C-alpha atoms as a PDB file:
ATOM      1  CA  MET A   1      70.600  82.716 138.139  1.00  0.00           C
ATOM      2  CA  PRO A   2      73.559  83.616 136.577  1.00  0.00           C
ATOM      3  CA  GLU A   3      73.611  84.309 132.828  1.00  0.00           C
ATOM      4  CA  ILE A   4      75.005  80.990 130.867  1.00  0.00           C
ATOM      5  CA  VAL A   5      76.820  81.653 127.572  1.00  0.00           C
ATOM      6  CA  HIS A   6      77.513  78.609 125.470  1.00  0.00           C
ATOM      7  CA  HIS A   7      80.673  78.092 123.302  1.00  0.00           C
ATOM      8  CA  ALA A   8      81.261  75.214 121.156  1.00  0.00           C
ATOM      9  CA  VAL A   9      84.908  74.080 120.590  1.00  0.00           C
ATOM     10  CA  LEU A  10      85.619  73.605 116.878  1.00  0.00           C
ATOM     11  CA  PRO A  11      87.914  70.888 115.799  1.00  0.00           C
ATOM     12  CA  GLU A  12      90.806  73.239 114.774  1.00  0.00           C
ATOM     13  CA  ALA A  13      90.956  74.281 118.393  1.00  0.00           C
ATOM     14  CA  ALA A  14      92.095  70.814 119.506  1.00  0.00           C
ATOM     15  CA  GLY A  15      95.548  71.075 121.483  1.00  0.00           C
ATOM     16  CA  GLN A  16      94.919  74.658 122.771  1.00  0.00           C
ATOM     17  CA  ARG A  17      94.756  75.323 126.378  1.00  0.00           C
ATOM     18  CA  LEU A  18      91.275  76.260 127.872  1.00  0.00           C
ATOM     19  CA  ASP A  19      92.230  79.751 129.139  1.00  0.00           C
ATOM     20  CA  ALA A  20      94.085  80.796 126.083  1.00  0.00           C
ATOM     21  CA  TRP A  21      91.056  79.733 123.837  1.00  0.00           C
ATOM     22  CA  LEU A  22      88.645  81.412 126.124  1.00  0.00           C
ATOM     23  CA  VAL A  23      90.409  84.612 125.748  1.00  0.00           C
ATOM     24  CA  THR A  24      89.901  84.387 122.186  1.00  0.00           C
ATOM     25  CA  GLN A  25      86.130  83.733 122.410  1.00  0.00           C
ATOM     26  CA  LEU A  26      85.473  86.401 125.121  1.00  0.00           C
ATOM     27  CA  GLY A  27      86.382  89.185 123.189  1.00  0.00           C
ATOM     28  CA  GLY A  28      87.945  92.200 125.209  1.00  0.00           C
ATOM     29  CA  VAL A  29      88.281  90.169 128.302  1.00  0.00           C
ATOM     30  CA  SER A  30      91.701  89.848 130.078  1.00  0.00           C
ATOM     31  CA  ARG A  31      93.607  86.521 130.411  1.00  0.00           C
ATOM     32  CA  SER A  32      93.698  87.323 134.453  1.00  0.00           C
ATOM     33  CA  ARG A  33      89.704  87.869 134.307  1.00  0.00           C
ATOM     34  CA  VAL A  34      89.576  84.482 132.438  1.00  0.00           C
ATOM     35  CA  GLN A  35      91.791  82.908 135.220  1.00  0.00           C
ATOM     36  CA  LEU A  36      89.415  84.200 137.762  1.00  0.00           C
ATOM     37  CA  LEU A  37      86.457  82.812 136.256  1.00  0.00           C
ATOM     38  CA  LEU A  38      88.101  79.394 136.002  1.00  0.00           C
ATOM     39  CA  SER A  39      89.525  79.252 139.525  1.00  0.00           C
ATOM     40  CA  THR A  40      85.972  80.083 140.809  1.00  0.00           C
ATOM     41  CA  GLY A  41      84.272  77.354 139.011  1.00  0.00           C
ATOM     42  CA  LYS A  42      82.297  79.570 136.546  1.00  0.00           C
ATOM     43  CA  VAL A  43      83.530  77.721 133.383  1.00  0.00           C
ATOM     44  CA  LEU A  44      82.202  74.241 132.654  1.00  0.00           C
ATOM     45  CA  ILE A  45      83.255  71.794 129.811  1.00  0.00           C
ATOM     46  CA  ASP A  46      80.331  69.337 129.023  1.00  0.00           C
ATOM     47  CA  GLY A  47      78.852  70.056 132.439  1.00  0.00           C
ATOM     48  CA  LYS A  48      81.997  69.752 134.568  1.00  0.00           C
ATOM     49  CA  THR A  49      84.519  72.277 136.019  1.00  0.00           C
ATOM     50  CA  ALA A  50      87.948  72.415 134.411  1.00  0.00           C
ATOM     51  CA  LYS A  51      91.304  73.879 135.107  1.00  0.00           C
ATOM     52  CA  ALA A  52      92.855  76.620 133.014  1.00  0.00           C
ATOM     53  CA  ALA A  53      95.585  74.250 131.686  1.00  0.00           C
ATOM     54  CA  LEU A  54      93.050  71.735 130.399  1.00  0.00           C
ATOM     55  CA  LYS A  55      94.037  70.871 126.631  1.00  0.00           C
ATOM     56  CA  LEU A  56      90.986  71.038 124.375  1.00  0.00           C
ATOM     57  CA  ARG A  57      90.260  68.174 122.003  1.00  0.00           C
ATOM     58  CA  GLY A  58      87.517  69.775 119.821  1.00  0.00           C
ATOM     59  CA  GLY A  59      83.822  69.191 120.036  1.00  0.00           C
ATOM     60  CA  GLU A  60      83.267  70.114 123.690  1.00  0.00           C
ATOM     61  CA  THR A  61      80.725  72.532 124.977  1.00  0.00           C
ATOM     62  CA  VAL A  62      81.986  75.136 127.331  1.00  0.00           C
ATOM     63  CA  GLU A  63      79.646  77.094 129.329  1.00  0.00           C
ATOM     64  CA  VAL A  64      80.600  80.377 130.960  1.00  0.00           C
ATOM     65  CA  LEU A  65      78.444  81.095 133.984  1.00  0.00           C
ATOM     66  CA  GLY A  66      77.930  85.013 134.763  1.00  0.00           C
ATOM     67  CA  GLU A  67      79.578  87.882 133.461  1.00  0.00           C
ATOM     68  CA  PRO A  68      82.951  87.742 132.025  1.00  0.00           C
ATOM     69  CA  GLU A  69      83.829  91.336 133.243  1.00  0.00           C
ATOM     70  CA  PRO A  70      83.176  92.557 136.544  1.00  0.00           C
ATOM     71  CA  PRO A  71      81.030  95.689 137.017  1.00  0.00           C
ATOM     72  CA  PRO A  72      83.124  98.931 136.786  1.00  0.00           C
ATOM     73  CA  LEU A  73      84.498 100.300 139.863  1.00  0.00           C
ATOM     74  CA  ARG A  74      83.139 103.575 141.231  1.00  0.00           C
ATOM     75  CA  ALA A  75      85.393 105.724 143.342  1.00  0.00           C
ATOM     76  CA  ILE A  76      84.253 105.907 146.991  1.00  0.00           C
ATOM     77  CA  ALA A  77      84.557 108.729 149.598  1.00  0.00           C
ATOM     78  CA  GLU A  78      87.431 108.379 152.331  1.00  0.00           C
ATOM     79  CA  ALA A  79      88.286 110.719 155.202  1.00  0.00           C
ATOM     80  CA  ILE A  80      91.836 111.669 153.924  1.00  0.00           C
ATOM     81  CA  PRO A  81      93.401 114.866 154.657  1.00  0.00           C
ATOM     82  CA  LEU A  82      94.067 117.124 151.770  1.00  0.00           C
ATOM     83  CA  GLU A  83      96.335 120.220 151.631  1.00  0.00           C
ATOM     84  CA  ILE A  84      94.282 122.551 149.493  1.00  0.00           C
ATOM     85  CA  ILE A  85      96.487 125.410 148.054  1.00  0.00           C
ATOM     86  CA  TYR A  86      93.374 127.134 146.325  1.00  0.00           C
ATOM     87  CA  GLU A  87      89.731 126.776 145.835  1.00  0.00           C
ATOM     88  CA  ASP A  88      86.603 128.181 144.582  1.00  0.00           C
ATOM     89  CA  ASP A  89      83.310 126.981 142.912  1.00  0.00           C
ATOM     90  CA  ASP A  90      84.956 126.035 139.740  1.00  0.00           C
ATOM     91  CA  LEU A  91      88.285 124.528 140.724  1.00  0.00           C
ATOM     92  CA  SER A  92      90.533 123.361 143.524  1.00  0.00           C
ATOM     93  CA  VAL A  93      94.470 123.188 143.433  1.00  0.00           C
ATOM     94  CA  VAL A  94      95.776 120.423 145.796  1.00  0.00           C
ATOM     95  CA  ASN A  95      99.257 119.760 147.030  1.00  0.00           C
ATOM     96  CA  LYS A  96      99.477 116.015 146.452  1.00  0.00           C
ATOM     97  CA  PRO A  97     101.847 113.933 148.684  1.00  0.00           C
ATOM     98  CA  ALA A  98     104.324 111.441 147.173  1.00  0.00           C
ATOM     99  CA  GLY A  99     102.953 107.862 147.499  1.00  0.00           C
ATOM    100  CA  MET A 100      99.383 108.801 146.840  1.00  0.00           C
ATOM    101  CA  MET A 101      97.869 107.711 143.486  1.00  0.00           C
ATOM    102  CA  VAL A 102      95.644 110.078 141.633  1.00  0.00           C
ATOM    103  CA  HIS A 103      93.026 107.794 140.920  1.00  0.00           C
ATOM    104  CA  ALA A 104      92.458 103.931 140.574  1.00  0.00           C
ATOM    105  CA  GLY A 105      93.711 102.275 137.528  1.00  0.00           C
ATOM    106  CA  SER A 106      91.374 101.385 134.753  1.00  0.00           C
ATOM    107  CA  GLY A 107      92.395  97.730 135.220  1.00  0.00           C
ATOM    108  CA  ALA A 108      91.479  97.684 139.089  1.00  0.00           C
ATOM    109  CA  THR A 109      89.219  94.724 139.761  1.00  0.00           C
ATOM    110  CA  ASP A 110      88.454  95.193 143.538  1.00  0.00           C
ATOM    111  CA  ASP A 111      87.512  97.798 145.919  1.00  0.00           C
ATOM    112  CA  ALA A 112      90.874  97.175 147.841  1.00  0.00           C
ATOM    113  CA  ARG A 113      92.776  98.924 144.944  1.00  0.00           C
ATOM    114  CA  ASN A 114      90.350 101.844 145.003  1.00  0.00           C
ATOM    115  CA  ARG A 115      91.437 103.146 148.285  1.00  0.00           C
ATOM    116  CA  GLY A 116      93.858 105.824 149.414  1.00  0.00           C
ATOM    117  CA  THR A 117      93.791 107.770 146.281  1.00  0.00           C
ATOM    118  CA  LEU A 118      93.527 111.473 145.658  1.00  0.00           C
ATOM    119  CA  VAL A 119      90.011 110.962 144.143  1.00  0.00           C
ATOM    120  CA  ASN A 120      88.764 109.039 147.223  1.00  0.00           C
ATOM    121  CA  ALA A 121      89.896 111.982 149.312  1.00  0.00           C
ATOM    122  CA  LEU A 122      88.159 114.597 147.066  1.00  0.00           C
ATOM    123  CA  LEU A 123      84.988 112.810 147.084  1.00  0.00           C
ATOM    124  CA  HIS A 124      84.955 112.989 150.841  1.00  0.00           C
ATOM    125  CA  HIS A 125      85.850 116.749 150.790  1.00  0.00           C
ATOM    126  CA  TYR A 126      83.607 118.037 147.998  1.00  0.00           C
ATOM    127  CA  ARG A 127      79.751 117.478 147.293  1.00  0.00           C
ATOM    128  CA  GLN A 128      80.408 118.018 143.710  1.00  0.00           C
ATOM    129  CA  LEU A 129      83.207 117.321 141.128  1.00  0.00           C
ATOM    130  CA  SER A 130      82.932 117.394 137.398  1.00  0.00           C
ATOM    131  CA  SER A 131      81.846 114.099 135.863  1.00  0.00           C
ATOM    132  CA  THR A 132      83.820 114.493 132.613  1.00  0.00           C
ATOM    133  CA  GLY A 133      86.488 112.051 133.652  1.00  0.00           C
ATOM    134  CA  GLY A 134      83.945 109.239 134.503  1.00  0.00           C
ATOM    135  CA  GLU A 135      82.929 107.515 137.784  1.00  0.00           C
ATOM    136  CA  LEU A 136      86.340 106.706 138.623  1.00  0.00           C
ATOM    137  CA  ARG A 137      88.247 109.925 137.970  1.00  0.00           C
ATOM    138  CA  PRO A 138      85.717 112.586 139.025  1.00  0.00           C
ATOM    139  CA  GLY A 139      87.279 116.130 138.775  1.00  0.00           C
ATOM    140  CA  ILE A 140      90.733 114.820 137.456  1.00  0.00           C
ATOM    141  CA  VAL A 141      92.058 116.863 134.610  1.00  0.00           C
ATOM    142  CA  HIS A 142      95.522 115.897 134.618  1.00  0.00           C
ATOM    143  CA  ARG A 143      97.828 113.546 136.719  1.00  0.00           C
ATOM    144  CA  LEU A 144     101.062 113.389 138.735  1.00  0.00           C
ATOM    145  CA  ASP A 145     102.942 109.950 139.115  1.00  0.00           C
ATOM    146  CA  LYS A 146     102.368 108.272 142.325  1.00  0.00           C
ATOM    147  CA  GLN A 147     105.789 109.053 143.732  1.00  0.00           C
ATOM    148  CA  THR A 148     105.718 112.749 142.472  1.00  0.00           C
ATOM    149  CA  SER A 149     104.482 115.376 145.021  1.00  0.00           C
ATOM    150  CA  GLY A 150     103.035 118.786 144.468  1.00  0.00           C
ATOM    151  CA  LEU A 151     100.109 120.852 142.690  1.00  0.00           C
ATOM    152  CA  ILE A 152      97.402 119.400 140.771  1.00  0.00           C
ATOM    153  CA  ILE A 153      94.227 121.066 139.545  1.00  0.00           C
ATOM    154  CA  ILE A 154      90.735 119.517 140.115  1.00  0.00           C
ATOM    155  CA  ALA A 155      87.754 120.419 138.289  1.00  0.00           C
ATOM    156  CA  ARG A 156      84.501 121.200 140.268  1.00  0.00           C
ATOM    157  CA  ASN A 157      82.040 121.225 137.421  1.00  0.00           C
ATOM    158  CA  ASP A 158      81.911 120.150 133.947  1.00  0.00           C
ATOM    159  CA  ALA A 159      82.073 123.422 132.293  1.00  0.00           C
ATOM    160  CA  ALA A 160      85.523 124.082 134.301  1.00  0.00           C
ATOM    161  CA  HIS A 161      86.714 120.782 133.419  1.00  0.00           C
ATOM    162  CA  LEU A 162      86.281 121.252 129.514  1.00  0.00           C
ATOM    163  CA  LYS A 163      87.999 124.574 129.708  1.00  0.00           C
ATOM    164  CA  LEU A 164      90.724 123.340 131.855  1.00  0.00           C
ATOM    165  CA  ALA A 165      91.279 120.549 129.355  1.00  0.00           C
ATOM    166  CA  GLU A 166      91.416 122.880 126.463  1.00  0.00           C
ATOM    167  CA  MET A 167      93.947 124.930 128.069  1.00  0.00           C
ATOM    168  CA  PHE A 168      96.224 121.975 128.833  1.00  0.00           C
ATOM    169  CA  SER A 169      95.852 120.874 125.163  1.00  0.00           C
ATOM    170  CA  ARG A 170      96.685 124.327 124.008  1.00  0.00           C
ATOM    171  CA  ARG A 171      99.722 124.513 126.359  1.00  0.00           C
ATOM    172  CA  GLN A 172      98.304 127.488 128.118  1.00  0.00           C
ATOM    173  CA  MET A 173      99.299 125.898 131.636  1.00  0.00           C
ATOM    174  CA  ARG A 174     102.666 126.869 132.897  1.00  0.00           C
ATOM    175  CA  LYS A 175     103.762 124.161 134.983  1.00  0.00           C
ATOM    176  CA  THR A 176     107.308 123.998 136.761  1.00  0.00           C
ATOM    177  CA  TYR A 177     108.990 121.153 138.612  1.00  0.00           C
ATOM    178  CA  LEU A 178     111.955 121.046 140.869  1.00  0.00           C
ATOM    179  CA  ALA A 179     114.107 117.837 140.309  1.00  0.00           C
ATOM    180  CA  LEU A 180     117.183 116.636 141.695  1.00  0.00           C
ATOM    181  CA  LEU A 181     119.263 114.836 139.178  1.00  0.00           C
ATOM    182  CA  HIS A 182     122.393 112.779 139.363  1.00  0.00           C
ATOM    183  CA  GLY A 183     125.601 114.039 137.859  1.00  0.00           C
ATOM    184  CA  ALA A 184     126.594 117.423 136.650  1.00  0.00           C
ATOM    185  CA  LEU A 185     124.721 118.947 133.993  1.00  0.00           C
ATOM    186  CA  LYS A 186     127.092 120.549 131.371  1.00  0.00           C
ATOM    187  CA  LEU A 187     124.766 123.435 130.482  1.00  0.00           C
ATOM    188  CA  ASP A 188     122.896 125.975 132.848  1.00  0.00           C
ATOM    189  CA  ALA A 189     119.912 125.726 130.881  1.00  0.00           C
ATOM    190  CA  GLY A 190     118.508 123.817 127.783  1.00  0.00           C
ATOM    191  CA  THR A 191     115.650 122.194 126.216  1.00  0.00           C
ATOM    192  CA  ILE A 192     114.893 118.365 125.465  1.00  0.00           C
ATOM    193  CA  ASN A 193     112.582 118.052 122.555  1.00  0.00           C
ATOM    194  CA  ALA A 194     112.274 114.264 122.116  1.00  0.00           C
ATOM    195  CA  ALA A 195     109.024 112.187 121.434  1.00  0.00           C
ATOM    196  CA  ILE A 196     107.958 109.732 124.108  1.00  0.00           C
ATOM    197  CA  SER A 197     106.380 106.223 123.647  1.00  0.00           C
ATOM    198  CA  ARG A 198     105.942 103.250 125.774  1.00  0.00           C
ATOM    199  CA  ASP A 199     108.873 100.857 125.959  1.00  0.00           C
ATOM    200  CA  ALA A 200     108.106  97.987 123.678  1.00  0.00           C
ATOM    201  CA  ILE A 201     110.000  95.230 126.259  1.00  0.00           C
ATOM    202  CA  ARG A 202     109.376  96.854 129.657  1.00  0.00           C
ATOM    203  CA  ARG A 203     105.589  98.099 129.466  1.00  0.00           C
ATOM    204  CA  THR A 204     105.976 100.137 132.679  1.00  0.00           C
ATOM    205  CA  ARG A 205     108.538 102.342 131.299  1.00  0.00           C
ATOM    206  CA  MET A 206     108.543 105.035 128.672  1.00  0.00           C
ATOM    207  CA  THR A 207     111.120 105.557 126.197  1.00  0.00           C
ATOM    208  CA  THR A 208     112.610 108.427 123.716  1.00  0.00           C
ATOM    209  CA  ARG A 209     114.404 105.757 121.724  1.00  0.00           C
ATOM    210  CA  ARG A 210     111.633 104.344 119.481  1.00  0.00           C
ATOM    211  CA  VAL A 211     111.778 105.603 115.897  1.00  0.00           C
ATOM    212  CA  THR A 212     108.001 105.686 115.349  1.00  0.00           C
ATOM    213  CA  GLY A 213     104.827 105.993 117.409  1.00  0.00           C
ATOM    214  CA  GLY A 214     106.021 108.456 119.906  1.00  0.00           C
ATOM    215  CA  ARG A 215     104.242 111.712 120.993  1.00  0.00           C
ATOM    216  CA  MET A 216     105.895 115.079 120.947  1.00  0.00           C
ATOM    217  CA  ALA A 217     107.300 115.923 124.302  1.00  0.00           C
ATOM    218  CA  ILE A 218     109.184 119.217 125.131  1.00  0.00           C
ATOM    219  CA  SER A 219     110.963 120.156 128.491  1.00  0.00           C
ATOM    220  CA  HIS A 220     112.836 123.232 129.291  1.00  0.00           C
ATOM    221  CA  TYR A 221     115.347 123.152 132.318  1.00  0.00           C
ATOM    222  CA  GLU A 222     117.470 125.402 134.161  1.00  0.00           C
ATOM    223  CA  VAL A 223     120.127 124.768 136.859  1.00  0.00           C
ATOM    224  CA  GLU A 224     118.902 125.905 140.273  1.00  0.00           C
ATOM    225  CA  ARG A 225     121.829 124.489 142.182  1.00  0.00           C
ATOM    226  CA  ARG A 226     125.059 122.471 141.722  1.00  0.00           C
ATOM    227  CA  ILE A 227     126.048 120.123 144.671  1.00  0.00           C
ATOM    228  CA  ASP A 228     129.418 118.623 144.868  1.00  0.00           C
ATOM    229  CA  SER A 229     129.470 116.055 147.789  1.00  0.00           C
ATOM    230  CA  LYS A 230     131.455 113.018 148.666  1.00  0.00           C
ATOM    231  CA  PHE A 231     128.474 110.783 147.308  1.00  0.00           C
ATOM    232  CA  GLY A 232     129.151 112.453 144.021  1.00  0.00           C
ATOM    233  CA  LYS A 233     127.875 115.446 141.731  1.00  0.00           C
ATOM    234  CA  PHE A 234     124.254 116.323 141.683  1.00  0.00           C
ATOM    235  CA  THR A 235     122.096 119.140 140.213  1.00  0.00           C
ATOM    236  CA  LEU A 236     119.035 120.586 141.398  1.00  0.00           C
ATOM    237  CA  VAL A 237     117.068 121.961 138.298  1.00  0.00           C
ATOM    238  CA  ARG A 238     113.615 123.716 137.650  1.00  0.00           C
ATOM    239  CA  VAL A 239     111.897 122.158 134.582  1.00  0.00           C
ATOM    240  CA  ARG A 240     109.040 123.693 132.842  1.00  0.00           C
ATOM    241  CA  ILE A 241     107.097 121.255 130.661  1.00  0.00           C
ATOM    242  CA  GLU A 242     105.088 122.348 127.630  1.00  0.00           C
ATOM    243  CA  THR A 243     103.525 118.893 127.113  1.00  0.00           C
ATOM    244  CA  GLY A 244     102.331 116.536 129.932  1.00  0.00           C
ATOM    245  CA  ARG A 245     103.336 112.909 128.715  1.00  0.00           C
ATOM    246  CA  THR A 246     103.540 109.932 130.904  1.00  0.00           C
ATOM    247  CA  HIS A 247     106.813 110.089 132.912  1.00  0.00           C
ATOM    248  CA  GLN A 248     107.859 113.072 130.878  1.00  0.00           C
ATOM    249  CA  ILE A 249     110.558 114.730 133.118  1.00  0.00           C
ATOM    250  CA  ARG A 250     111.671 111.385 134.285  1.00  0.00           C
ATOM    251  CA  VAL A 251     112.447 109.839 130.890  1.00  0.00           C
ATOM    252  CA  HIS A 252     113.492 112.993 129.377  1.00  0.00           C
ATOM    253  CA  MET A 253     116.288 113.432 132.017  1.00  0.00           C
ATOM    254  CA  ALA A 254     117.389 109.800 131.929  1.00  0.00           C
ATOM    255  CA  SER A 255     117.767 110.073 128.132  1.00  0.00           C
ATOM    256  CA  ILE A 256     120.407 112.663 128.477  1.00  0.00           C
ATOM    257  CA  GLY A 257     122.235 110.658 131.209  1.00  0.00           C
ATOM    258  CA  HIS A 258     121.085 112.435 134.360  1.00  0.00           C
ATOM    259  CA  ALA A 259     118.282 110.211 136.250  1.00  0.00           C
ATOM    260  CA  VAL A 260     116.137 111.615 138.848  1.00  0.00           C
ATOM    261  CA  VAL A 261     117.418 110.807 142.172  1.00  0.00           C
ATOM    262  CA  GLY A 262     115.533 107.950 143.552  1.00  0.00           C
ATOM    263  CA  ASP A 263     113.916 107.117 140.251  1.00  0.00           C
ATOM    264  CA  THR A 264     114.966 103.424 139.996  1.00  0.00           C
ATOM    265  CA  LEU A 265     112.644 102.896 137.052  1.00  0.00           C
ATOM    266  CA  TYR A 266     115.005 105.087 134.921  1.00  0.00           C
ATOM    267  CA  GLY A 267     118.360 103.992 136.084  1.00  0.00           C
ATOM    268  CA  ALA A 268     118.770 105.940 139.524  1.00  0.00           C
ATOM    269  CA  PRO A 269     120.426 103.562 142.249  1.00  0.00           C
ATOM    270  CA  THR A 270     118.343 102.595 145.297  1.00  0.00           C
ATOM    271  CA  GLU A 271     120.815 104.454 147.474  1.00  0.00           C
ATOM    272  CA  ILE A 272     123.969 106.532 147.184  1.00  0.00           C
ATOM    273  CA  VAL A 273     127.083 105.307 148.769  1.00  0.00           C
ATOM    274  CA  VAL A 274     130.639 106.603 149.579  1.00  0.00           C
ATOM    275  CA  PRO A 275     132.960 103.519 149.415  1.00  0.00           C
ATOM    276  CA  ALA A 276     134.966 102.819 152.477  1.00  0.00           C
ATOM    277  CA  LYS A 277     138.685 104.284 151.964  1.00  0.00           C
ATOM    278  CA  GLY A 278     138.124 104.610 148.423  1.00  0.00           C
ATOM    279  CA  LYS A 279     137.475 100.916 147.923  1.00  0.00           C
ATOM    280  CA  ARG A 280     134.214  99.030 147.087  1.00  0.00           C
ATOM    281  CA  ALA A 281     131.336  99.809 149.197  1.00  0.00           C
ATOM    282  CA  THR A 282     131.116  97.630 152.412  1.00  0.00           C
ATOM    283  CA  ALA A 283     128.389  97.379 155.041  1.00  0.00           C
ATOM    284  CA  ASP A 284     130.246 100.342 156.827  1.00  0.00           C
ATOM    285  CA  ALA A 285     130.187 102.623 153.860  1.00  0.00           C
ATOM    286  CA  GLU A 286     128.287 105.999 154.368  1.00  0.00           C
ATOM    287  CA  ARG A 287     124.822 105.948 152.357  1.00  0.00           C
ATOM    288  CA  MET A 288     121.806 107.706 152.020  1.00  0.00           C
ATOM    289  CA  ALA A 289     118.503 106.677 150.316  1.00  0.00           C
ATOM    290  CA  LEU A 290     115.272 108.455 149.266  1.00  0.00           C
ATOM    291  CA  GLU A 291     112.175 106.217 149.279  1.00  0.00           C
ATOM    292  CA  ARG A 292     110.536 108.180 146.624  1.00  0.00           C
ATOM    293  CA  ASN A 293     111.510 110.286 143.508  1.00  0.00           C
ATOM    294  CA  PHE A 294     113.008 113.712 143.953  1.00  0.00           C
ATOM    295  CA  LEU A 295     110.545 115.265 141.737  1.00  0.00           C
ATOM    296  CA  HIS A 296     108.133 117.924 142.835  1.00  0.00           C
ATOM    297  CA  ALA A 297     105.476 119.979 140.913  1.00  0.00           C
ATOM    298  CA  ALA A 298     106.416 123.224 142.389  1.00  0.00           C
ATOM    299  CA  GLU A 299     104.581 125.873 140.587  1.00  0.00           C
ATOM    300  CA  LEU A 300     101.303 126.472 138.526  1.00  0.00           C
ATOM    301  CA  ALA A 301     100.179 129.558 136.503  1.00  0.00           C
ATOM    302  CA  PHE A 302      97.148 129.683 134.531  1.00  0.00           C
ATOM    303  CA  ALA A 303      94.091 131.829 133.613  1.00  0.00           C
ATOM    304  CA  HIS A 304      91.058 130.942 135.554  1.00  0.00           C
ATOM    305  CA  PRO A 305      88.638 129.131 133.156  1.00  0.00           C
ATOM    306  CA  ARG A 306      85.710 131.402 133.891  1.00  0.00           C
ATOM    307  CA  THR A 307      87.105 134.809 135.131  1.00  0.00           C
ATOM    308  CA  GLY A 308      90.388 134.923 133.103  1.00  0.00           C
ATOM    309  CA  LYS A 309      92.096 136.181 136.040  1.00  0.00           C
ATOM    310  CA  MET A 310      95.667 134.928 136.326  1.00  0.00           C
ATOM    311  CA  LEU A 311      96.344 132.341 139.161  1.00  0.00           C
ATOM    312  CA  GLU A 312      99.938 131.868 140.203  1.00  0.00           C
ATOM    313  CA  LEU A 313     100.493 129.064 142.706  1.00  0.00           C
ATOM    314  CA  ALA A 314     103.374 127.470 144.501  1.00  0.00           C
ATOM    315  CA  ALA A 315     104.146 124.533 146.946  1.00  0.00           C
ATOM    316  CA  PRO A 316     107.378 124.350 148.742  1.00  0.00           C
ATOM    317  CA  LEU A 317     109.485 121.113 148.554  1.00  0.00           C
ATOM    318  CA  PRO A 318     108.018 118.746 151.142  1.00  0.00           C
ATOM    319  CA  ASP A 319     109.947 118.054 154.253  1.00  0.00           C
ATOM    320  CA  GLU A 320     111.469 114.622 153.048  1.00  0.00           C
ATOM    321  CA  LEU A 321     113.058 116.219 149.953  1.00  0.00           C
ATOM    322  CA  SER A 322     114.256 119.519 151.746  1.00  0.00           C
ATOM    323  CA  ASP A 323     115.738 117.395 154.536  1.00  0.00           C
ATOM    324  CA  PHE A 324     117.442 115.138 152.043  1.00  0.00           C
ATOM    325  CA  LEU A 325     118.973 118.145 150.081  1.00  0.00           C
ATOM    326  CA  LYS A 326     120.195 119.640 153.378  1.00  0.00           C
ATOM    327  CA  GLN A 327     121.695 116.365 154.516  1.00  0.00           C
ATOM    328  CA  LEU A 328     123.434 116.008 150.878  1.00  0.00           C
ATOM    329  CA  GLU A 329     124.880 119.497 151.043  1.00  0.00           C
ATOM    330  CA  ALA A 330     126.216 118.838 154.552  1.00  0.00           C
ATOM    331  CA  VAL A 331     128.559 116.459 153.332  1.00  0.00           C
ATOM    332  CA  ARG A 332     130.477 118.130 150.582  1.00  0.00           C
ATOM    333  CA  SER A 333     133.510 116.404 149.051  1.00  0.00           C
END
């Protein structure tokens, strides 16, 4: 039998929607979870099922059948190929493809969202990973965005995980990325030192514009190549980050007016277009599109957490990025 929790509706709650009121009663439970309880008939008012939009009168008895939160997800093993650049008993370094999430989100509520991740592939490949990150993130010390490819370190045991995490916090990891930016950078090299925080309005974005509450973030960039094409000007840069904030390179580059190619979240166009005969773009205009961000974690250098031996590892640009670059350079203005 499911557990039944009884709640009395006080007179001052009269006029409130049932779903909104339940959120205040079931501390820490999301509104989406409350909606699921209601839609599956797990909420009764005076013994009868009720809709989310029901307006309370005050004095009712509300019964919640079962647990308000689902059990936490555990990552499951899947036979997904991995490109392993380095491995030993303590750690592995994997070249993650774009489009693969590192792990399922903490808000995931069903097994379908816990599929196809790097963690799923790791669990199939390795018998043991560190447990420090919890059952949903075994072995995960740091992350890469879903649409960012490149090198990521995996801890094979808890001792290695703790040491690697300490090295990250002390900035003892040298992480270098390759990024293609819109526009021509004025300087051949520079440093962006701007705190990053979550955008107050668009919660999927980060920003450098908030005055308070940001976390320090430092990115050093150096021009690798300048491209002047009929699609416009672009700059290929190497970026070394001292910190590892969410979307750091993407938001830093957008903050100086040079969005990463393909990064529509931070202002890049969905495609680059050459207007026909200098007029506005038409259906016949030449165009190119990239289905991911042109951002690749190309190099890692760090001391092995147990032996102290320096590891210097690299992953070349994946084919879709190198092909895009060749195509862009082949159509110079």
